[in-house]
C-alpha atoms as a PDB file:
ATOM      1  CA  UNK A   1     -43.298 -20.610  18.158  1.00  0.00           C
ATOM      2  CA  UNK A   2     -40.956 -21.510  14.963  1.00  0.00           C
ATOM      3  CA  UNK A   3     -37.367 -22.170  15.496  1.00  0.00           C
ATOM      4  CA  UNK A   4     -35.211 -20.099  13.168  1.00  0.00           C
ATOM      5  CA  UNK A   5     -33.939 -21.588  10.206  1.00  0.00           C
ATOM      6  CA  UNK A   6     -30.167 -21.390   9.493  1.00  0.00           C
ATOM      7  CA  UNK A   7     -29.540 -20.460   6.051  1.00  0.00           C
ATOM      8  CA  UNK A   8     -27.142 -22.835   5.092  1.00  0.00           C
ATOM      9  CA  UNK A   9     -25.621 -21.165   1.912  1.00  0.00           C
ATOM     10  CA  UNK A  10     -24.712 -17.996   4.049  1.00  0.00           C
ATOM     11  CA  UNK A  11     -23.216 -20.077   6.976  1.00  0.00           C
ATOM     12  CA  UNK A  12     -20.785 -22.195   4.812  1.00  0.00           C
ATOM     13  CA  UNK A  13     -19.778 -18.878   3.020  1.00  0.00           C
ATOM     14  CA  UNK A  14     -18.385 -17.840   6.388  1.00  0.00           C
ATOM     15  CA  UNK A  15     -16.794 -21.021   7.406  1.00  0.00           C
ATOM     16  CA  UNK A  16     -15.136 -21.005   3.874  1.00  0.00           C
ATOM     17  CA  UNK A  17     -13.835 -17.475   4.648  1.00  0.00           C
ATOM     18  CA  UNK A  18     -12.243 -18.453   7.641  1.00  0.00           C
ATOM     19  CA  UNK A  19     -10.460 -21.682   6.328  1.00  0.00           C
ATOM     20  CA  UNK A  20      -9.308 -19.607   3.390  1.00  0.00           C
ATOM     21  CA  UNK A  21      -8.251 -16.441   5.687  1.00  0.00           C
ATOM     22  CA  UNK A  22      -6.447 -18.648   7.412  1.00  0.00           C
ATOM     23  CA  UNK A  23      -4.511 -19.991   4.275  1.00  0.00           C
ATOM     24  CA  UNK A  24      -3.614 -16.630   3.254  1.00  0.00           C
ATOM     25  CA  UNK A  25      -0.776 -15.456   6.570  1.00  0.00           C
ATOM     26  CA  UNK A  26       0.670 -19.174   6.514  1.00  0.00           C
ATOM     27  CA  UNK A  27       1.222 -18.825   2.816  1.00  0.00           C
ATOM     28  CA  UNK A  28       2.561 -15.700   2.774  1.00  0.00           C
ATOM     29  CA  UNK A  29       5.157 -16.583   5.919  1.00  0.00           C
ATOM     30  CA  UNK A  30       5.986 -19.675   3.767  1.00  0.00           C
ATOM     31  CA  UNK A  31       6.720 -18.037   0.734  1.00  0.00           C
ATOM     32  CA  UNK A  32       9.247 -15.395   2.569  1.00  0.00           C
ATOM     33  CA  UNK A  33      11.741 -18.021   2.256  1.00  0.00           C
ATOM     34  CA  UNK A  34      11.608 -18.005  -1.686  1.00  0.00           C
ATOM     35  CA  UNK A  35      10.468 -14.513  -2.536  1.00  0.00           C
ATOM     36  CA  UNK A  36      10.349 -10.731  -1.563  1.00  0.00           C
ATOM     37  CA  UNK A  37       7.205  -9.244  -0.503  1.00  0.00           C
ATOM     38  CA  UNK A  38       6.821  -7.316  -3.385  1.00  0.00           C
ATOM     39  CA  UNK A  39       7.105 -10.409  -5.712  1.00  0.00           C
ATOM     40  CA  UNK A  40       4.930 -12.770  -3.834  1.00  0.00           C
ATOM     41  CA  UNK A  41       2.172  -9.884  -3.524  1.00  0.00           C
ATOM     42  CA  UNK A  42       1.899  -9.487  -7.307  1.00  0.00           C
ATOM     43  CA  UNK A  43       1.915 -13.314  -8.047  1.00  0.00           C
ATOM     44  CA  UNK A  44      -0.443 -14.153  -5.986  1.00  0.00           C
ATOM     45  CA  UNK A  45      -3.133 -11.378  -6.735  1.00  0.00           C
ATOM     46  CA  UNK A  46      -2.493 -12.007 -10.533  1.00  0.00           C
ATOM     47  CA  UNK A  47      -3.509 -15.648  -9.872  1.00  0.00           C
ATOM     48  CA  UNK A  48      -6.584 -14.297  -7.856  1.00  0.00           C
ATOM     49  CA  UNK A  49      -7.220 -11.802 -10.706  1.00  0.00           C
ATOM     50  CA  UNK A  50      -7.137 -14.293 -13.304  1.00  0.00           C
ATOM     51  CA  UNK A  51      -9.362 -16.670 -11.594  1.00  0.00           C
ATOM     52  CA  UNK A  52     -12.263 -14.079 -11.932  1.00  0.00           C
ATOM     53  CA  UNK A  53     -11.461 -12.356 -15.089  1.00  0.00           C
ATOM     54  CA  UNK A  54     -13.668 -14.885 -17.172  1.00  0.00           C
ATOM     55  CA  UNK A  55     -16.671 -13.694 -14.949  1.00  0.00           C
ATOM     56  CA  UNK A  56     -16.093 -10.237 -16.111  1.00  0.00           C
ATOM     57  CA  UNK A  57     -15.341 -10.768 -19.528  1.00  0.00           C
ATOM     58  CA  UNK A  58     -18.957 -12.788 -19.631  1.00  0.00           C
ATOM     59  CA  UNK A  59     -20.511  -9.913 -17.717  1.00  0.00           C
ATOM     60  CA  UNK A  60     -18.807  -7.642 -20.404  1.00  0.00           C
ATOM     61  CA  UNK A  61     -20.452  -9.694 -23.251  1.00  0.00           C
ATOM     62  CA  UNK A  62     -23.800  -9.961 -22.060  1.00  0.00           C
ATOM     63  CA  UNK A  63     -23.939  -6.279 -20.973  1.00  0.00           C
ATOM     64  CA  UNK A  64     -24.492  -6.701 -17.477  1.00  0.00           C
ATOM     65  CA  UNK A  65     -21.469  -5.096 -16.246  1.00  0.00           C
ATOM     66  CA  UNK A  66     -22.354  -1.966 -14.488  1.00  0.00           C
ATOM     67  CA  UNK A  67     -19.910   0.637 -15.960  1.00  0.00           C
ATOM     68  CA  UNK A  68     -19.268   2.959 -13.345  1.00  0.00           C
ATOM     69  CA  UNK A  69     -17.471   0.120 -11.810  1.00  0.00           C
ATOM     70  CA  UNK A  70     -14.375   1.473 -13.515  1.00  0.00           C
ATOM     71  CA  UNK A  71     -14.392   4.473 -11.497  1.00  0.00           C
ATOM     72  CA  UNK A  72     -15.898   3.509  -8.480  1.00  0.00           C
ATOM     73  CA  UNK A  73     -13.333   0.807  -8.046  1.00  0.00           C
ATOM     74  CA  UNK A  74     -10.608   2.971  -8.088  1.00  0.00           C
ATOM     75  CA  UNK A  75     -10.159   4.227  -4.603  1.00  0.00           C
ATOM     76  CA  UNK A  76     -10.310   0.862  -2.784  1.00  0.00           C
ATOM     77  CA  UNK A  77      -8.282  -0.208  -5.269  1.00  0.00           C
ATOM     78  CA  UNK A  78      -5.504   2.320  -4.407  1.00  0.00           C
ATOM     79  CA  UNK A  79      -6.368   1.207  -0.568  1.00  0.00           C
ATOM     80  CA  UNK A  80      -5.896  -2.415  -1.212  1.00  0.00           C
ATOM     81  CA  UNK A  81      -2.692  -2.095  -2.733  1.00  0.00           C
ATOM     82  CA  UNK A  82      -1.245  -0.235   0.194  1.00  0.00           C
ATOM     83  CA  UNK A  83      -2.869  -2.769   2.469  1.00  0.00           C
ATOM     84  CA  UNK A  84      -1.596  -5.401   0.796  1.00  0.00           C
ATOM     85  CA  UNK A  85       1.742  -4.240   0.463  1.00  0.00           C
ATOM     86  CA  UNK A  86       2.110  -3.690   4.504  1.00  0.00           C
ATOM     87  CA  UNK A  87       0.305  -6.775   5.663  1.00  0.00           C
ATOM     88  CA  UNK A  88       2.746  -8.838   3.119  1.00  0.00           C
ATOM     89  CA  UNK A  89       5.988  -7.309   4.415  1.00  0.00           C
ATOM     90  CA  UNK A  90       4.699  -7.641   8.308  1.00  0.00           C
ATOM     91  CA  UNK A  91       5.020 -11.362   8.007  1.00  0.00           C
ATOM     92  CA  UNK A  92       8.525 -11.282   6.961  1.00  0.00           C
ATOM     93  CA  UNK A  93       8.882 -10.101  10.702  1.00  0.00           C
ATOM     94  CA  UNK A  94       6.410 -11.285  13.042  1.00  0.00           C
ATOM     95  CA  UNK A  95       4.361 -14.722  13.114  1.00  0.00           C
ATOM     96  CA  UNK A  96       1.422 -15.479  11.195  1.00  0.00           C
ATOM     97  CA  UNK A  97      -0.868 -15.731  14.584  1.00  0.00           C
ATOM     98  CA  UNK A  98       0.732 -12.640  16.261  1.00  0.00           C
ATOM     99  CA  UNK A  99       0.037 -10.670  13.275  1.00  0.00           C
ATOM    100  CA  UNK A 100      -3.523 -11.887  12.876  1.00  0.00           C
ATOM    101  CA  UNK A 101      -4.525 -11.001  16.047  1.00  0.00           C
ATOM    102  CA  UNK A 102      -3.003  -7.608  16.088  1.00  0.00           C
ATOM    103  CA  UNK A 103      -4.528  -7.097  12.930  1.00  0.00           C
ATOM    104  CA  UNK A 104      -8.182  -7.043  15.045  1.00  0.00           C
ATOM    105  CA  UNK A 105      -7.226  -3.332  15.685  1.00  0.00           C
ATOM    106  CA  UNK A 106      -8.718  -2.666  12.323  1.00  0.00           C
ATOM    107  CA  UNK A 107     -12.053  -3.404  13.659  1.00  0.00           C
ATOM    108  CA  UNK A 108     -11.477   0.054  15.892  1.00  0.00           C
ATOM    109  CA  UNK A 109     -10.809   1.756  12.594  1.00  0.00           C
ATOM    110  CA  UNK A 110     -13.551   0.680  10.623  1.00  0.00           C
ATOM    111  CA  UNK A 111     -15.818   1.676  13.356  1.00  0.00           C
ATOM    112  CA  UNK A 112     -14.607   4.998  13.749  1.00  0.00           C
ATOM    113  CA  UNK A 113     -14.971   5.419   9.823  1.00  0.00           C
ATOM    114  CA  UNK A 114     -18.346   3.896   9.745  1.00  0.00           C
ATOM    115  CA  UNK A 115     -18.926   6.717  12.171  1.00  0.00           C
ATOM    116  CA  UNK A 116     -17.571   9.456  10.352  1.00  0.00           C
ATOM    117  CA  UNK A 117     -19.090   8.491   6.616  1.00  0.00           C
ATOM    118  CA  UNK A 118     -22.473   6.829   7.493  1.00  0.00           C
ATOM    119  CA  UNK A 119     -24.818   9.241   9.400  1.00  0.00           C
ATOM    120  CA  UNK A 120     -27.205   6.098  10.176  1.00  0.00           C
ATOM    121  CA  UNK A 121     -24.601   4.674  12.311  1.00  0.00           C
ATOM    122  CA  UNK A 122     -23.613   7.419  14.360  1.00  0.00           C
ATOM    123  CA  UNK A 123     -26.269   6.340  16.779  1.00  0.00           C
ATOM    124  CA  UNK A 124     -23.917   3.846  18.084  1.00  0.00           C
ATOM    125  CA  UNK A 125     -22.437   7.040  20.270  1.00  0.00           C
ATOM    126  CA  UNK A 126     -25.532   6.129  22.559  1.00  0.00           C
ATOM    127  CA  UNK A 127     -24.783   3.126  23.303  1.00  0.00           C
ATOM    128  CA  UNK A 128     -23.032   2.129  26.576  1.00  0.00           C
ATOM    129  CA  UNK A 129     -22.128  -1.309  25.061  1.00  0.00           C
ATOM    130  CA  UNK A 130     -20.297   0.074  22.211  1.00  0.00           C
ATOM    131  CA  UNK A 131     -18.030   2.116  24.352  1.00  0.00           C
ATOM    132  CA  UNK A 132     -17.499  -0.836  26.606  1.00  0.00           C
ATOM    133  CA  UNK A 133     -16.631  -2.735  23.479  1.00  0.00           C
ATOM    134  CA  UNK A 134     -14.260   0.123  22.280  1.00  0.00           C
ATOM    135  CA  UNK A 135     -12.230  -0.075  25.670  1.00  0.00           C
ATOM    136  CA  UNK A 136     -11.975  -3.406  25.954  1.00  0.00           C
ATOM    137  CA  UNK A 137     -10.407  -3.578  22.219  1.00  0.00           C
ATOM    138  CA  UNK A 138      -8.059  -1.148  22.774  1.00  0.00           C
ATOM    139  CA  UNK A 139      -6.910  -2.391  25.885  1.00  0.00           C
ATOM    140  CA  UNK A 140      -6.370  -5.766  24.398  1.00  0.00           C
ATOM    141  CA  UNK A 141      -4.410  -4.237  21.699  1.00  0.00           C
ATOM    142  CA  UNK A 142      -2.127  -2.814  24.292  1.00  0.00           C
ATOM    143  CA  UNK A 143      -2.145  -6.002  26.043  1.00  0.00           C
ATOM    144  CA  UNK A 144      -1.006  -8.253  23.374  1.00  0.00           C
ATOM    145  CA  UNK A 145       1.540  -5.692  22.234  1.00  0.00           C
ATOM    146  CA  UNK A 146       3.122  -5.292  25.580  1.00  0.00           C
ATOM    147  CA  UNK A 147       3.109  -8.437  26.802  1.00  0.00           C
ATOM    148  CA  UNK A 148       5.050 -10.012  23.509  1.00  0.00           C
ATOM    149  CA  UNK A 149       8.570 -11.337  24.408  1.00  0.00           C
ATOM    150  CA  UNK A 150      11.254  -8.890  23.184  1.00  0.00           C
ATOM    151  CA  UNK A 151       8.284  -6.401  22.394  1.00  0.00           C
ATOM    152  CA  UNK A 152      10.969  -3.606  22.079  1.00  0.00           C
ATOM    153  CA  UNK A 153      13.560  -5.388  19.880  1.00  0.00           C
ATOM    154  CA  UNK A 154      13.994  -3.712  16.334  1.00  0.00           C
ATOM    155  CA  UNK A 155      12.499  -6.517  14.576  1.00  0.00           C
ATOM    156  CA  UNK A 156       9.440  -6.877  16.585  1.00  0.00           C
ATOM    157  CA  UNK A 157       8.841  -2.669  16.272  1.00  0.00           C
ATOM    158  CA  UNK A 158       9.129  -3.000  12.831  1.00  0.00           C
ATOM    159  CA  UNK A 159       6.746  -5.890  12.500  1.00  0.00           C
ATOM    160  CA  UNK A 160       3.669  -4.684  14.624  1.00  0.00           C
ATOM    161  CA  UNK A 161       4.142  -0.963  13.087  1.00  0.00           C
ATOM    162  CA  UNK A 162       3.729  -2.607   9.770  1.00  0.00           C
ATOM    163  CA  UNK A 163       0.620  -4.323  10.827  1.00  0.00           C
ATOM    164  CA  UNK A 164      -1.170  -1.675  12.698  1.00  0.00           C
ATOM    165  CA  UNK A 165      -0.850   0.368   9.073  1.00  0.00           C
ATOM    166  CA  UNK A 166      -1.979  -2.838   7.654  1.00  0.00           C
ATOM    167  CA  UNK A 167      -5.096  -2.714   9.901  1.00  0.00           C
ATOM    168  CA  UNK A 168      -5.526   0.995   9.151  1.00  0.00           C
ATOM    169  CA  UNK A 169      -5.423   0.305   5.470  1.00  0.00           C
ATOM    170  CA  UNK A 170      -7.782  -2.629   6.115  1.00  0.00           C
ATOM    171  CA  UNK A 171     -10.351  -0.251   7.239  1.00  0.00           C
ATOM    172  CA  UNK A 172      -9.618   2.280   4.785  1.00  0.00           C
ATOM    173  CA  UNK A 173     -10.557  -0.457   2.223  1.00  0.00           C
ATOM    174  CA  UNK A 174     -13.569  -2.045   3.830  1.00  0.00           C
ATOM    175  CA  UNK A 175     -15.282   1.531   4.011  1.00  0.00           C
ATOM    176  CA  UNK A 176     -14.526   2.550   0.448  1.00  0.00           C
ATOM    177  CA  UNK A 177     -15.320  -0.894  -0.652  1.00  0.00           C
ATOM    178  CA  UNK A 178     -18.781  -0.422   1.134  1.00  0.00           C
ATOM    179  CA  UNK A 179     -19.732   2.879  -0.057  1.00  0.00           C
ATOM    180  CA  UNK A 180     -18.457   2.146  -3.985  1.00  0.00           C
ATOM    181  CA  UNK A 181     -20.271  -1.431  -4.180  1.00  0.00           C
ATOM    182  CA  UNK A 182     -23.801  -0.479  -2.534  1.00  0.00           C
ATOM    183  CA  UNK A 183     -25.771  -1.201  -6.023  1.00  0.00           C
ATOM    184  CA  UNK A 184     -22.991  -3.055  -7.838  1.00  0.00           C
ATOM    185  CA  UNK A 185     -22.328  -6.973  -8.032  1.00  0.00           C
ATOM    186  CA  UNK A 186     -19.525  -7.487  -5.681  1.00  0.00           C
ATOM    187  CA  UNK A 187     -17.871 -10.049  -8.004  1.00  0.00           C
ATOM    188  CA  UNK A 188     -17.490  -7.581 -10.879  1.00  0.00           C
ATOM    189  CA  UNK A 189     -16.191  -4.788  -8.544  1.00  0.00           C
ATOM    190  CA  UNK A 190     -13.615  -7.213  -6.666  1.00  0.00           C
ATOM    191  CA  UNK A 191     -12.876  -8.215 -10.498  1.00  0.00           C
ATOM    192  CA  UNK A 192     -11.991  -4.856 -11.398  1.00  0.00           C
ATOM    193  CA  UNK A 193     -10.205  -3.941  -8.329  1.00  0.00           C
ATOM    194  CA  UNK A 194      -8.047  -7.344  -8.590  1.00  0.00           C
ATOM    195  CA  UNK A 195      -7.199  -5.915 -12.213  1.00  0.00           C
ATOM    196  CA  UNK A 196      -6.194  -2.602 -10.539  1.00  0.00           C
ATOM    197  CA  UNK A 197      -4.455  -4.268  -7.866  1.00  0.00           C
ATOM    198  CA  UNK A 198      -2.307  -6.502 -10.089  1.00  0.00           C
ATOM    199  CA  UNK A 199      -1.170  -3.430 -12.118  1.00  0.00           C
ATOM    200  CA  UNK A 200      -0.281  -1.179  -8.738  1.00  0.00           C
ATOM    201  CA  UNK A 201       1.583  -4.467  -7.333  1.00  0.00           C
ATOM    202  CA  UNK A 202       3.060  -5.522 -10.869  1.00  0.00           C
ATOM    203  CA  UNK A 203       4.569  -1.803 -11.014  1.00  0.00           C
ATOM    204  CA  UNK A 204       5.622  -2.091  -7.457  1.00  0.00           C
ATOM    205  CA  UNK A 205       7.708  -5.674  -8.130  1.00  0.00           C
ATOM    206  CA  UNK A 206       9.217  -4.769 -11.089  1.00  0.00           C
ATOM    207  CA  UNK A 207      10.378  -1.607  -9.514  1.00  0.00           C
ATOM    208  CA  UNK A 208      11.575  -3.008  -5.903  1.00  0.00           C
ATOM    209  CA  UNK A 209      11.289  -6.844  -6.537  1.00  0.00           C
ATOM    210  CA  UNK A 210      13.057  -9.632  -7.824  1.00  0.00           C
ATOM    211  CA  UNK A 211      10.393 -11.134 -10.401  1.00  0.00           C
ATOM    212  CA  UNK A 212      13.297 -13.520 -11.403  1.00  0.00           C
ATOM    213  CA  UNK A 213      13.677 -15.595  -8.310  1.00  0.00           C
ATOM    214  CA  UNK A 214      10.221 -16.776  -8.891  1.00  0.00           C
ATOM    215  CA  UNK A 215      11.622 -18.847 -12.223  1.00  0.00           C
ATOM    216  CA  UNK A 216      14.084 -20.510  -9.875  1.00  0.00           C
ATOM    217  CA  UNK A 217      11.320 -21.866  -7.562  1.00  0.00           C
ATOM    218  CA  UNK A 218      10.393 -25.475  -7.643  1.00  0.00           C
ATOM    219  CA  UNK A 219       6.580 -27.053  -7.842  1.00  0.00           C
ATOM    220  CA  UNK A 220       5.979 -26.731  -4.219  1.00  0.00           C
ATOM    221  CA  UNK A 221       6.195 -22.953  -3.436  1.00  0.00           C
ATOM    222  CA  UNK A 222       4.225 -22.202  -7.080  1.00  0.00           C
ATOM    223  CA  UNK A 223       1.424 -24.562  -5.477  1.00  0.00           C
ATOM    224  CA  UNK A 224       1.420 -22.098  -2.571  1.00  0.00           C
ATOM    225  CA  UNK A 225       1.161 -18.850  -4.611  1.00  0.00           C
ATOM    226  CA  UNK A 226      -1.536 -20.335  -6.713  1.00  0.00           C
ATOM    227  CA  UNK A 227      -3.776 -22.193  -4.182  1.00  0.00           C
ATOM    228  CA  UNK A 228      -3.352 -18.764  -1.982  1.00  0.00           C
ATOM    229  CA  UNK A 229      -4.098 -16.553  -4.576  1.00  0.00           C
ATOM    230  CA  UNK A 230      -7.143 -18.467  -5.534  1.00  0.00           C
ATOM    231  CA  UNK A 231      -8.658 -19.480  -2.057  1.00  0.00           C
ATOM    232  CA  UNK A 232      -7.633 -16.521   0.390  1.00  0.00           C
ATOM    233  CA  UNK A 233      -7.661 -13.728  -2.387  1.00  0.00           C
ATOM    234  CA  UNK A 234     -10.238 -14.499  -5.339  1.00  0.00           C
ATOM    235  CA  UNK A 235     -12.678 -16.878  -3.476  1.00  0.00           C
ATOM    236  CA  UNK A 236     -12.344 -15.479   0.640  1.00  0.00           C
ATOM    237  CA  UNK A 237     -13.250 -11.903  -0.464  1.00  0.00           C
ATOM    238  CA  UNK A 238     -16.128 -13.047  -2.518  1.00  0.00           C
ATOM    239  CA  UNK A 239     -17.939 -15.457  -0.280  1.00  0.00           C
ATOM    240  CA  UNK A 240     -17.137 -12.986   2.543  1.00  0.00           C
ATOM    241  CA  UNK A 241     -19.299 -10.197   0.890  1.00  0.00           C
ATOM    242  CA  UNK A 242     -21.598 -13.166  -0.230  1.00  0.00           C
ATOM    243  CA  UNK A 243     -22.233 -14.229   3.535  1.00  0.00           C
ATOM    244  CA  UNK A 244     -22.897 -10.568   4.567  1.00  0.00           C
ATOM    245  CA  UNK A 245     -25.628 -10.822   1.763  1.00  0.00           C
ATOM    246  CA  UNK A 246     -27.333 -13.839   3.007  1.00  0.00           C
ATOM    247  CA  UNK A 247     -26.893 -13.708   6.768  1.00  0.00           C
ATOM    248  CA  UNK A 248     -26.366  -9.959   7.643  1.00  0.00           C
ATOM    249  CA  UNK A 249     -23.125  -8.352   8.480  1.00  0.00           C
ATOM    250  CA  UNK A 250     -23.061  -9.431  12.355  1.00  0.00           C
ATOM    251  CA  UNK A 251     -22.580 -12.781  12.462  1.00  0.00           C
ATOM    252  CA  UNK A 252     -19.822 -13.136   9.815  1.00  0.00           C
ATOM    253  CA  UNK A 253     -17.976 -10.406  11.694  1.00  0.00           C
ATOM    254  CA  UNK A 254     -18.162 -12.505  14.819  1.00  0.00           C
ATOM    255  CA  UNK A 255     -17.297 -15.779  13.255  1.00  0.00           C
ATOM    256  CA  UNK A 256     -14.192 -13.756  11.705  1.00  0.00           C
ATOM    257  CA  UNK A 257     -12.820 -13.030  15.436  1.00  0.00           C
ATOM    258  CA  UNK A 258     -11.889 -16.431  15.504  1.00  0.00           C
ATOM    259  CA  UNK A 259      -9.635 -16.277  13.248  1.00  0.00           C
ATOM    260  CA  UNK A 260      -6.217 -15.633  14.863  1.00  0.00           C
ATOM    261  CA  UNK A 261      -6.712 -18.982  16.774  1.00  0.00           C
ATOM    262  CA  UNK A 262      -7.393 -20.759  13.718  1.00  0.00           C
ATOM    263  CA  UNK A 263      -4.299 -19.255  12.013  1.00  0.00           C
ATOM    264  CA  UNK A 264      -2.496 -20.181  15.572  1.00  0.00           C
ATOM    265  CA  UNK A 265      -3.313 -23.812  15.199  1.00  0.00           C
ATOM    266  CA  UNK A 266      -1.352 -24.124  11.788  1.00  0.00           C
ATOM    267  CA  UNK A 267       1.234 -21.404  12.550  1.00  0.00           C
ATOM    268  CA  UNK A 268       2.101 -24.024  16.061  1.00  0.00           C
ATOM    269  CA  UNK A 269       2.622 -26.885  13.631  1.00  0.00           C
ATOM    270  CA  UNK A 270       4.353 -25.569  10.738  1.00  0.00           C
ATOM    271  CA  UNK A 271       6.930 -23.014  12.232  1.00  0.00           C
ATOM    272  CA  UNK A 272       6.510 -23.456  16.034  1.00  0.00           C
ATOM    273  CA  UNK A 273       4.423 -20.152  16.867  1.00  0.00           C
ATOM    274  CA  UNK A 274       3.323 -20.072  20.467  1.00  0.00           C
ATOM    275  CA  UNK A 275       1.621 -17.023  22.331  1.00  0.00           C
ATOM    276  CA  UNK A 276       2.186 -16.452  25.912  1.00  0.00           C
ATOM    277  CA  UNK A 277      -0.246 -16.822  28.667  1.00  0.00           C
ATOM    278  CA  UNK A 278      -1.211 -12.878  29.102  1.00  0.00           C
ATOM    279  CA  UNK A 279      -1.206 -12.769  25.126  1.00  0.00           C
ATOM    280  CA  UNK A 280      -4.207 -15.046  25.247  1.00  0.00           C
ATOM    281  CA  UNK A 281      -5.921 -13.110  27.865  1.00  0.00           C
ATOM    282  CA  UNK A 282      -5.379  -9.841  26.356  1.00  0.00           C
ATOM    283  CA  UNK A 283      -6.302 -11.638  22.927  1.00  0.00           C
ATOM    284  CA  UNK A 284      -9.544 -12.933  24.415  1.00  0.00           C
ATOM    285  CA  UNK A 285     -10.145  -9.145  25.854  1.00  0.00           C
ATOM    286  CA  UNK A 286      -9.634  -7.965  22.178  1.00  0.00           C
ATOM    287  CA  UNK A 287     -12.004 -10.641  20.257  1.00  0.00           C
ATOM    288  CA  UNK A 288     -14.631  -9.707  23.347  1.00  0.00           C
ATOM    289  CA  UNK A 289     -14.229  -5.840  22.807  1.00  0.00           C
ATOM    290  CA  UNK A 290     -14.810  -6.372  19.136  1.00  0.00           C
ATOM    291  CA  UNK A 291     -17.411  -8.551  19.655  1.00  0.00           C
ATOM    292  CA  UNK A 292     -19.453  -6.227  21.837  1.00  0.00           C
ATOM    293  CA  UNK A 293     -18.957  -3.367  19.438  1.00  0.00           C
ATOM    294  CA  UNK A 294     -20.770  -5.454  16.644  1.00  0.00           C
ATOM    295  CA  UNK A 295     -23.137  -6.726  19.005  1.00  0.00           C
ATOM    296  CA  UNK A 296     -24.400  -3.158  20.082  1.00  0.00           C
ATOM    297  CA  UNK A 297     -24.651  -2.438  15.991  1.00  0.00           C
ATOM    298  CA  UNK A 298     -26.866  -4.775  15.346  1.00  0.00           C
ATOM    299  CA  UNK A 299     -29.520  -4.109  18.458  1.00  0.00           C
ATOM    300  CA  UNK A 300     -29.666  -0.751  17.390  1.00  0.00           C
ATOM    301  CA  UNK A 301     -30.058  -1.715  13.959  1.00  0.00           C
ATOM    302  CA  UNK A 302     -32.678  -4.076  15.236  1.00  0.00           C
END
């Protein structure tokens, strides 16, 4: 019996995604001391957009760019603009690891939307493992919330609400991307989404933000803007879809369930963030529940 070979490129890609998406919430929280969320959203996405523009230009010149991408990318871009806005402002109210852990509730919405829009996935409704996973996920989210110190405090309520809305919008974005780019190069798709997103975030920035504050920043905050834009937005999104193409959806999804804990490792050092014992317990319940739902999907597909 031969030992299954490990896809090295796919594995490296998903490891890179975890590393790069760990940087994102840390950078947003750090930049909250220098910029309002409208402005940093615009600047970070503008950096990501500039990174992929040469690829889009080359694709256009050599005729490999699918003209449909400009139309099909519109809906994912709208969802992305809304999601990025709620995600960024949420990190001005609550800490990165707590936000990242709570954001795993998006898995519940992703599954619900998939059942609605993708008929081939409705067979999941017959799986006991799927329903057990969903129950554990909901229980985990509730436990993480209720056991947060000062749960009913105003800033917590605002931050938690923003995170939950962001999680819902992430699910909308995920499903719309899946529908839009079934047969279109994801690099081209994300490049166009980035252009639309930068335009939308730019309008919001100039309407509600303070772009002038960026001119007063020193080199180190600008380093966070550019590097987090390149890594946690431009590279991470494309690597995520590349890893799915190489090794399927289940393994990347399972690996990303550990993201809140990598964020916590950095947030603890930089911001002194900690989670209570009960939050750890319910956080693991949430992760296990999401994992069971993903695993049940893989079993039915196999």
